[in-house]
């Protein structure tokens, strides 16, 4: 697998994870438990932050590769 292929695979996986998070959020109120809902929202936020870190690192690496072409 080449670096660009790897970057695309990681980017696609991040998108899939984010889409799945969007399915969790609307289901939480139906649990009818505010403590569980709060904990889940907090955890989803933390995971989203970590996902964004991955995406930023991948973007930085991709831009670094592009700058060597010039």
Protein backbone atom coordinates (compact mmCIF):
# COMPACT_ATOMS: atom_id res chain seq x y z
CA UNK A 1 0.00 0.00 0.00
CA UNK A 2 1.34 3.40 -0.89
CA UNK A 3 1.28 6.40 1.43
CA UNK A 4 -1.54 8.11 -0.51
CA UNK A 5 -3.58 4.90 -0.40
CA UNK A 6 -2.96 4.62 3.32
CA UNK A 7 -3.98 8.24 3.88
CA UNK A 8 -7.20 7.68 1.91
CA UNK A 9 -8.00 4.50 3.83
CA UNK A 10 -7.54 6.30 7.16
CA UNK A 11 -9.58 9.27 5.94
CA UNK A 12 -12.41 6.93 4.83
CA UNK A 13 -12.37 5.13 8.19
CA UNK A 14 -12.56 8.45 10.06
CA UNK A 15 -15.56 9.44 7.97
CA UNK A 16 -17.29 6.12 8.71
CA UNK A 17 -16.67 6.51 12.43
CA UNK A 18 -18.03 10.07 12.40
CA UNK A 19 -21.16 8.92 10.56
CA UNK A 20 -21.72 6.22 13.17
CA UNK A 21 -21.37 8.78 15.97
CA UNK A 22 -24.18 10.75 14.33
CA UNK A 23 -26.42 7.69 14.73
CA UNK A 24 -25.67 7.40 18.45
CA UNK A 25 -26.51 10.97 19.41
CA UNK A 26 -30.24 10.96 18.54
CA UNK A 27 -30.74 7.58 20.24
CA UNK A 28 -29.39 8.68 23.61
CA UNK A 29 -32.50 10.49 24.92
CA UNK A 30 -34.50 7.30 24.40
CA UNK A 31 -32.40 5.58 27.04
CA UNK A 32 -34.28 7.73 29.54
CA UNK A 33 -31.30 7.91 31.85
CA UNK A 34 -29.67 11.32 32.17
CA UNK A 35 -26.48 10.02 33.79
CA UNK A 36 -25.87 7.49 31.03
CA UNK A 37 -26.74 10.06 28.39
CA UNK A 38 -24.34 12.58 29.89
CA UNK A 39 -21.53 10.05 30.14
CA UNK A 40 -22.11 8.92 26.56
CA UNK A 41 -22.12 12.49 25.24
CA UNK A 42 -18.90 13.22 27.12
CA UNK A 43 -17.27 10.07 25.74
CA UNK A 44 -18.43 10.80 22.20
CA UNK A 45 -16.99 14.30 22.47
CA UNK A 46 -13.65 12.92 23.65
CA UNK A 47 -13.59 10.36 20.85
CA UNK A 48 -14.46 13.04 18.30
CA UNK A 49 -11.55 15.15 19.54
CA UNK A 50 -9.21 12.17 19.12
CA UNK A 51 -10.62 11.48 15.65
CA UNK A 52 -9.94 15.10 14.66
CA UNK A 53 -6.34 14.73 15.86
CA UNK A 54 -5.91 11.76 13.53
CA UNK A 55 -7.39 13.72 10.63
CA UNK A 56 -5.13 16.73 11.30
CA UNK A 57 -2.03 14.53 11.48
CA UNK A 58 -2.96 12.82 8.22
CA UNK A 59 -3.61 16.19 6.55
CA UNK A 60 -0.28 17.53 7.78
CA UNK A 61 1.52 14.46 6.42
CA UNK A 62 -0.28 14.80 3.10
CA UNK A 63 0.64 18.49 2.79
CA UNK A 64 4.23 17.61 3.67
CA UNK A 65 4.29 15.09 0.81
CA UNK A 66 2.79 17.66 -1.58
CA UNK A 67 5.40 20.29 -0.69
CA UNK A 68 8.24 17.95 -1.71
CA UNK A 69 6.81 17.82 -5.24
CA UNK A 70 7.50 21.50 -5.82
